[in-house]
Amino acid sequence: MIDISKFKIGDTIYAVSEHNNSFNRQKIYMTDAEGNEWFRYDRPHYEYSVHELIYCGKVVHVISGEVEVDGVYDTEYHFKYPHGKIYMEYEGTIPGITDWFATKEEAEEYIEQMKTKRNA
C-alpha cells in the first residue's frame, strides 16, 4: 500500500491490472502419437500487467465561512498515464487501493503472489 501524502509532483506509482480471459481464450485441439485427443488454451485464464502512473497534481477544496456542504469535497489526486490520459482518485479511496505500488519490483512481486494464489 502506498502513502500518497509522501508523494511529490512527478513521482511514479505502479498500478497492477488483472485481465480475465475466460471468454476470450480459444481451445487448441491436438492428438498425440497414441491417438488420444486433448486440448489446451491459447492464453492463460488471467493475465497481469503493470502500468506507470505519474502523480501530476491535486485539487484541495477550501471551504471558509458558514456554508452548507452537500457534495464530495475530499482532496483529489491526479495521475497521468504515459499516453497522456489523466486519472483521478479521491483521498478517501486511495487507502483501499491494494494494487498500487511505489516500485516496479513490488508490483511484479504482487503479480507473482496473485499467480500463485490463482493456481493454488
N, C-alpha and C. Protein backbone atom coordinates (compact mmCIF):
# COMPACT_ATOMS: atom_id res chain seq x y z
N MET A 1 0.83 -1.17 0.00
CA MET A 1 0.00 0.00 0.00
C MET A 1 0.89 1.25 0.00
N ILE A 2 0.46 2.27 -0.70
CA ILE A 2 1.27 3.48 -0.79
C ILE A 2 0.75 4.56 0.14
N ASP A 3 1.62 5.46 0.52
CA ASP A 3 1.25 6.62 1.33
C ASP A 3 1.32 7.84 0.43
N ILE A 4 0.17 8.27 -0.07
CA ILE A 4 0.11 9.35 -1.04
C ILE A 4 0.59 10.68 -0.45
N SER A 5 0.53 10.83 0.85
CA SER A 5 0.94 12.10 1.47
C SER A 5 2.44 12.37 1.29
N LYS A 6 3.22 11.33 1.03
CA LYS A 6 4.66 11.49 0.87
C LYS A 6 5.09 11.72 -0.58
N PHE A 7 4.14 11.66 -1.51
CA PHE A 7 4.48 11.81 -2.92
C PHE A 7 4.59 13.28 -3.31
N LYS A 8 5.49 13.52 -4.26
CA LYS A 8 5.69 14.85 -4.83
C LYS A 8 5.28 14.80 -6.29
N ILE A 9 4.93 15.95 -6.85
CA ILE A 9 4.56 16.03 -8.25
C ILE A 9 5.68 15.43 -9.09
N GLY A 10 5.33 14.52 -10.00
CA GLY A 10 6.30 13.87 -10.87
C GLY A 10 6.71 12.48 -10.41
N ASP A 11 6.34 12.09 -9.18
CA ASP A 11 6.67 10.74 -8.70
C ASP A 11 5.85 9.70 -9.46
N THR A 12 6.38 8.50 -9.55
CA THR A 12 5.74 7.41 -10.29
C THR A 12 5.12 6.40 -9.34
N ILE A 13 3.91 5.97 -9.69
CA ILE A 13 3.21 4.91 -8.99
C ILE A 13 3.03 3.79 -10.00
N TYR A 14 3.16 2.55 -9.55
CA TYR A 14 3.00 1.40 -10.43
C TYR A 14 1.69 0.69 -10.07
N ALA A 15 0.78 0.64 -11.02
CA ALA A 15 -0.54 0.02 -10.81
C ALA A 15 -0.60 -1.31 -11.55
N VAL A 16 -1.06 -2.34 -10.86
CA VAL A 16 -1.21 -3.67 -11.45
C VAL A 16 -2.65 -3.83 -11.90
N SER A 17 -2.82 -4.29 -13.13
CA SER A 17 -4.17 -4.59 -13.61
C SER A 17 -4.27 -6.07 -13.94
N GLU A 18 -5.44 -6.61 -13.68
CA GLU A 18 -5.71 -8.03 -13.91
C GLU A 18 -6.75 -8.13 -15.02
N HIS A 19 -6.48 -8.98 -15.99
CA HIS A 19 -7.40 -9.16 -17.11
C HIS A 19 -7.87 -10.61 -17.13
N ASN A 20 -9.18 -10.81 -17.07
CA ASN A 20 -9.77 -12.15 -17.08
C ASN A 20 -10.04 -12.55 -18.52
N ASN A 21 -9.42 -13.64 -18.97
CA ASN A 21 -9.56 -14.11 -20.35
C ASN A 21 -10.60 -15.22 -20.52
N SER A 22 -11.48 -15.40 -19.56
CA SER A 22 -12.43 -16.52 -19.60
C SER A 22 -13.19 -16.62 -20.91
N PHE A 23 -13.65 -15.50 -21.42
CA PHE A 23 -14.48 -15.53 -22.61
C PHE A 23 -13.71 -15.23 -23.90
N ASN A 24 -12.42 -14.97 -23.78
CA ASN A 24 -11.62 -14.62 -24.96
C ASN A 24 -10.69 -15.73 -25.43
N ARG A 25 -10.42 -16.68 -24.57
CA ARG A 25 -9.45 -17.69 -24.95
C ARG A 25 -10.09 -18.80 -25.78
N GLN A 26 -9.27 -19.38 -26.64
CA GLN A 26 -9.73 -20.41 -27.56
C GLN A 26 -9.05 -21.75 -27.23
N LYS A 27 -9.76 -22.83 -27.48
CA LYS A 27 -9.18 -24.16 -27.29
C LYS A 27 -8.40 -24.55 -28.53
N ILE A 28 -7.22 -25.10 -28.30
CA ILE A 28 -6.41 -25.65 -29.39
C ILE A 28 -6.44 -27.17 -29.21
N TYR A 29 -7.08 -27.86 -30.14
CA TYR A 29 -7.23 -29.31 -30.06
C TYR A 29 -6.03 -30.00 -30.69
N MET A 30 -5.60 -31.10 -30.06
CA MET A 30 -4.44 -31.85 -30.53
C MET A 30 -4.69 -33.34 -30.34
N THR A 31 -3.93 -34.12 -31.08
CA THR A 31 -3.96 -35.58 -30.94
C THR A 31 -2.52 -36.04 -30.77
N ASP A 32 -2.27 -36.80 -29.73
CA ASP A 32 -0.89 -37.26 -29.51
C ASP A 32 -0.61 -38.49 -30.36
N ALA A 33 0.60 -39.02 -30.24
CA ALA A 33 1.05 -40.15 -31.08
C ALA A 33 0.25 -41.42 -30.83
N GLU A 34 -0.36 -41.53 -29.65
CA GLU A 34 -1.15 -42.72 -29.32
C GLU A 34 -2.62 -42.57 -29.70
N GLY A 35 -2.98 -41.45 -30.32
CA GLY A 35 -4.35 -41.23 -30.76
C GLY A 35 -5.26 -40.59 -29.72
N ASN A 36 -4.71 -40.18 -28.59
CA ASN A 36 -5.51 -39.51 -27.57
C ASN A 36 -5.73 -38.05 -27.95
N GLU A 37 -6.98 -37.63 -27.92
CA GLU A 37 -7.30 -36.24 -28.22
C GLU A 37 -7.30 -35.43 -26.93
N TRP A 38 -6.76 -34.26 -26.99
CA TRP A 38 -6.72 -33.36 -25.85
C TRP A 38 -6.68 -31.92 -26.36
N PHE A 39 -6.77 -30.98 -25.42
CA PHE A 39 -6.72 -29.57 -25.82
C PHE A 39 -5.98 -28.77 -24.78
N ARG A 40 -5.59 -27.59 -25.19
CA ARG A 40 -5.03 -26.59 -24.29
C ARG A 40 -5.56 -25.24 -24.74
N TYR A 41 -5.44 -24.25 -23.88
CA TYR A 41 -5.91 -22.91 -24.23
C TYR A 41 -4.78 -22.09 -24.82
N ASP A 42 -5.15 -21.13 -25.65
CA ASP A 42 -4.15 -20.29 -26.31
C ASP A 42 -3.58 -19.21 -25.40
N ARG A 43 -4.18 -18.98 -24.25
CA ARG A 43 -3.68 -17.98 -23.31
C ARG A 43 -4.11 -18.36 -21.90
N PRO A 44 -3.45 -17.82 -20.88
CA PRO A 44 -3.82 -18.15 -19.50
C PRO A 44 -5.19 -17.57 -19.13
N HIS A 45 -5.78 -18.10 -18.07
CA HIS A 45 -7.07 -17.61 -17.60
C HIS A 45 -6.98 -16.15 -17.17
N TYR A 46 -5.93 -15.79 -16.46
CA TYR A 46 -5.71 -14.40 -16.02
C TYR A 46 -4.38 -13.91 -16.54
N GLU A 47 -4.35 -12.66 -16.97
CA GLU A 47 -3.10 -12.00 -17.36
C GLU A 47 -2.96 -10.73 -16.54
N TYR A 48 -1.73 -10.38 -16.23
CA TYR A 48 -1.46 -9.21 -15.40
C TYR A 48 -0.52 -8.27 -16.14
N SER A 49 -0.67 -6.98 -15.85
CA SER A 49 0.24 -6.01 -16.43
C SER A 49 0.47 -4.89 -15.42
N VAL A 50 1.60 -4.21 -15.58
CA VAL A 50 1.97 -3.10 -14.71
C VAL A 50 1.88 -1.81 -15.53
N HIS A 51 1.18 -0.83 -14.98
CA HIS A 51 1.05 0.47 -15.64
C HIS A 51 1.72 1.54 -14.78
N GLU A 52 2.42 2.44 -15.41
CA GLU A 52 3.02 3.55 -14.69
C GLU A 52 2.03 4.70 -14.65
N LEU A 53 1.87 5.26 -13.46
CA LEU A 53 1.05 6.45 -13.28
C LEU A 53 1.97 7.53 -12.71
N ILE A 54 1.97 8.69 -13.33
CA ILE A 54 2.78 9.81 -12.83
C ILE A 54 1.87 10.72 -12.01
N TYR A 55 2.26 10.97 -10.77
CA TYR A 55 1.50 11.88 -9.92
C TYR A 55 1.67 13.28 -10.48
N CYS A 56 0.57 13.88 -10.98
CA CYS A 56 0.71 15.15 -11.69
C CYS A 56 -0.03 16.31 -11.03
N GLY A 57 -0.75 16.09 -9.95
CA GLY A 57 -1.38 17.23 -9.29
C GLY A 57 -2.48 16.82 -8.33
N LYS A 58 -2.94 17.80 -7.58
CA LYS A 58 -4.05 17.55 -6.67
C LYS A 58 -4.92 18.80 -6.57
N VAL A 59 -6.17 18.58 -6.23
CA VAL A 59 -7.13 19.66 -6.04
C VAL A 59 -7.55 19.61 -4.58
N VAL A 60 -7.36 20.72 -3.88
CA VAL A 60 -7.74 20.81 -2.49
C VAL A 60 -8.89 21.82 -2.40
N HIS A 61 -10.00 21.38 -1.84
CA HIS A 61 -11.15 22.26 -1.69
C HIS A 61 -11.02 23.00 -0.36
N VAL A 62 -11.08 24.32 -0.43
CA VAL A 62 -11.00 25.15 0.77
C VAL A 62 -12.39 25.76 0.99
N ILE A 63 -13.01 25.39 2.08
CA ILE A 63 -14.32 25.91 2.41
C ILE A 63 -14.14 26.85 3.59
N SER A 64 -14.56 28.06 3.41
CA SER A 64 -14.43 29.02 4.51
C SER A 64 -15.77 29.70 4.75
N GLY A 65 -15.99 30.05 5.97
CA GLY A 65 -17.25 30.70 6.32
C GLY A 65 -18.32 29.69 6.67
N GLU A 66 -19.51 30.19 6.78
CA GLU A 66 -20.65 29.37 7.15
C GLU A 66 -21.37 28.94 5.88
N VAL A 67 -21.14 27.71 5.47
CA VAL A 67 -21.70 27.21 4.21
C VAL A 67 -22.36 25.85 4.44
N GLU A 68 -23.24 25.49 3.53
CA GLU A 68 -23.84 24.17 3.57
C GLU A 68 -23.04 23.28 2.62
N VAL A 69 -22.42 22.26 3.17
CA VAL A 69 -21.61 21.36 2.35
C VAL A 69 -22.49 20.17 1.96
N ASP A 70 -22.73 20.03 0.66
CA ASP A 70 -23.61 18.97 0.21
C ASP A 70 -23.00 18.10 -0.89
N GLY A 71 -21.70 18.15 -1.03
CA GLY A 71 -21.05 17.36 -2.06
C GLY A 71 -19.81 16.68 -1.53
N VAL A 72 -19.06 16.10 -2.44
CA VAL A 72 -17.80 15.45 -2.08
C VAL A 72 -16.70 16.51 -2.16
N TYR A 73 -16.08 16.78 -1.06
CA TYR A 73 -15.02 17.78 -1.04
C TYR A 73 -13.71 17.19 -0.54
N ASP A 74 -13.51 15.91 -0.79
CA ASP A 74 -12.23 15.29 -0.48
C ASP A 74 -11.17 15.86 -1.43
N THR A 75 -9.93 15.79 -0.99
CA THR A 75 -8.84 16.18 -1.87
C THR A 75 -8.78 15.21 -3.04
N GLU A 76 -8.59 15.75 -4.25
CA GLU A 76 -8.49 14.92 -5.45
C GLU A 76 -7.03 14.80 -5.85
N TYR A 77 -6.58 13.58 -6.11
CA TYR A 77 -5.22 13.34 -6.58
C TYR A 77 -5.29 12.92 -8.04
N HIS A 78 -4.47 13.53 -8.87
CA HIS A 78 -4.50 13.27 -10.31
C HIS A 78 -3.21 12.59 -10.75
N PHE A 79 -3.37 11.60 -11.64
CA PHE A 79 -2.26 10.81 -12.14
C PHE A 79 -2.35 10.77 -13.66
N LYS A 80 -1.20 10.74 -14.30
CA LYS A 80 -1.17 10.72 -15.76
C LYS A 80 -0.57 9.41 -16.24
N TYR A 81 -1.27 8.77 -17.20
CA TYR A 81 -0.73 7.60 -17.88
C TYR A 81 0.33 8.05 -18.88
N PRO A 82 1.25 7.17 -19.28
CA PRO A 82 2.28 7.55 -20.25
C PRO A 82 1.70 8.07 -21.58
N HIS A 83 0.52 7.58 -21.96
CA HIS A 83 -0.08 8.04 -23.22
C HIS A 83 -0.80 9.38 -23.08
N GLY A 84 -0.84 9.95 -21.86
CA GLY A 84 -1.36 11.30 -21.68
C GLY A 84 -2.69 11.42 -20.96
N LYS A 85 -3.44 10.34 -20.85
CA LYS A 85 -4.74 10.42 -20.18
C LYS A 85 -4.55 10.66 -18.69
N ILE A 86 -5.37 11.55 -18.13
CA ILE A 86 -5.27 11.86 -16.70
C ILE A 86 -6.38 11.12 -15.95
N TYR A 87 -6.00 10.55 -14.83
CA TYR A 87 -6.86 9.72 -14.00
C TYR A 87 -6.94 10.34 -12.61
N MET A 88 -8.11 10.31 -11.96
CA MET A 88 -8.29 10.97 -10.67
C MET A 88 -8.83 9.99 -9.63
N GLU A 89 -8.35 10.14 -8.41
CA GLU A 89 -8.86 9.39 -7.26
C GLU A 89 -9.08 10.37 -6.12
N TYR A 90 -10.13 10.12 -5.33
CA TYR A 90 -10.36 10.92 -4.13
C TYR A 90 -9.47 10.40 -3.00
N GLU A 91 -9.13 11.30 -2.10
CA GLU A 91 -8.26 10.97 -0.98
C GLU A 91 -8.81 9.79 -0.17
N GLY A 92 -10.10 9.72 0.03
CA GLY A 92 -10.71 8.67 0.83
C GLY A 92 -10.66 7.29 0.19
N THR A 93 -10.50 7.22 -1.12
CA THR A 93 -10.48 5.92 -1.79
C THR A 93 -9.08 5.32 -1.91
N ILE A 94 -8.05 6.13 -1.81
CA ILE A 94 -6.68 5.66 -2.02
C ILE A 94 -6.24 4.61 -0.99
N PRO A 95 -6.57 4.73 0.30
CA PRO A 95 -6.15 3.67 1.23
C PRO A 95 -6.72 2.29 0.90
N GLY A 96 -7.85 2.23 0.21
CA GLY A 96 -8.45 0.95 -0.15
C GLY A 96 -7.88 0.32 -1.41
N ILE A 97 -7.01 1.03 -2.11
CA ILE A 97 -6.42 0.50 -3.33
C ILE A 97 -5.23 -0.37 -2.96
N THR A 98 -5.33 -1.66 -3.27
CA THR A 98 -4.29 -2.59 -2.85
C THR A 98 -3.33 -2.97 -3.97
N ASP A 99 -3.59 -2.48 -5.19
CA ASP A 99 -2.73 -2.87 -6.31
C ASP A 99 -1.92 -1.71 -6.88
N TRP A 100 -1.62 -0.71 -6.05
CA TRP A 100 -0.70 0.38 -6.39
C TRP A 100 0.57 0.22 -5.56
N PHE A 101 1.71 0.46 -6.20
CA PHE A 101 2.98 0.26 -5.51
C PHE A 101 3.95 1.39 -5.82
N ALA A 102 4.89 1.60 -4.93
CA ALA A 102 5.88 2.66 -5.09
C ALA A 102 7.02 2.25 -6.01
N THR A 103 7.25 0.95 -6.15
CA THR A 103 8.33 0.47 -7.03
C THR A 103 7.80 -0.61 -7.97
N LYS A 104 8.46 -0.73 -9.11
CA LYS A 104 8.06 -1.74 -10.09
C LYS A 104 8.31 -3.15 -9.54
N GLU A 105 9.36 -3.31 -8.73
CA GLU A 105 9.68 -4.61 -8.14
C GLU A 105 8.54 -5.08 -7.23
N GLU A 106 7.98 -4.16 -6.43
CA GLU A 106 6.86 -4.51 -5.56
C GLU A 106 5.66 -4.96 -6.40
N ALA A 107 5.42 -4.27 -7.50
CA ALA A 107 4.30 -4.61 -8.39
C ALA A 107 4.50 -5.99 -8.99
N GLU A 108 5.70 -6.30 -9.43
CA GLU A 108 5.99 -7.61 -10.02
C GLU A 108 5.88 -8.72 -8.98
N GLU A 109 6.29 -8.43 -7.75
CA GLU A 109 6.15 -9.40 -6.66
C GLU A 109 4.67 -9.67 -6.38
N TYR A 110 3.86 -8.63 -6.42
CA TYR A 110 2.42 -8.78 -6.22
C TYR A 110 1.82 -9.66 -7.32
N ILE A 111 2.26 -9.47 -8.55
CA ILE A 111 1.78 -10.29 -9.67
C ILE A 111 2.11 -11.76 -9.43
N GLU A 112 3.32 -12.04 -8.98
CA GLU A 112 3.70 -13.42 -8.69
C GLU A 112 2.84 -14.01 -7.58
N GLN A 113 2.53 -13.21 -6.56
CA GLN A 113 1.65 -13.68 -5.48
C GLN A 113 0.26 -13.98 -6.02
N MET A 114 -0.25 -13.14 -6.91
CA MET A 114 -1.58 -13.36 -7.48
C MET A 114 -1.60 -14.61 -8.36
N LYS A 115 -0.53 -14.82 -9.13
CA LYS A 115 -0.45 -16.03 -9.97
C LYS A 115 -0.44 -17.28 -9.10
N THR A 116 0.33 -17.26 -8.01
CA THR A 116 0.39 -18.38 -7.10
C THR A 116 -0.97 -18.62 -6.45
N LYS A 117 -1.62 -17.56 -6.05
CA LYS A 117 -2.94 -17.66 -5.42
C LYS A 117 -3.97 -18.23 -6.39
N ARG A 118 -3.93 -17.80 -7.64
CA ARG A 118 -4.90 -18.26 -8.64
C ARG A 118 -4.66 -19.73 -9.05
N ASN A 119 -3.42 -20.17 -8.98
CA ASN A 119 -3.10 -21.53 -9.40
C ASN A 119 -3.17 -22.54 -8.27
N ALA A 120 -3.39 -22.06 -7.05
CA ALA A 120 -3.43 -22.96 -5.89
C ALA A 120 -4.75 -23.72 -5.80
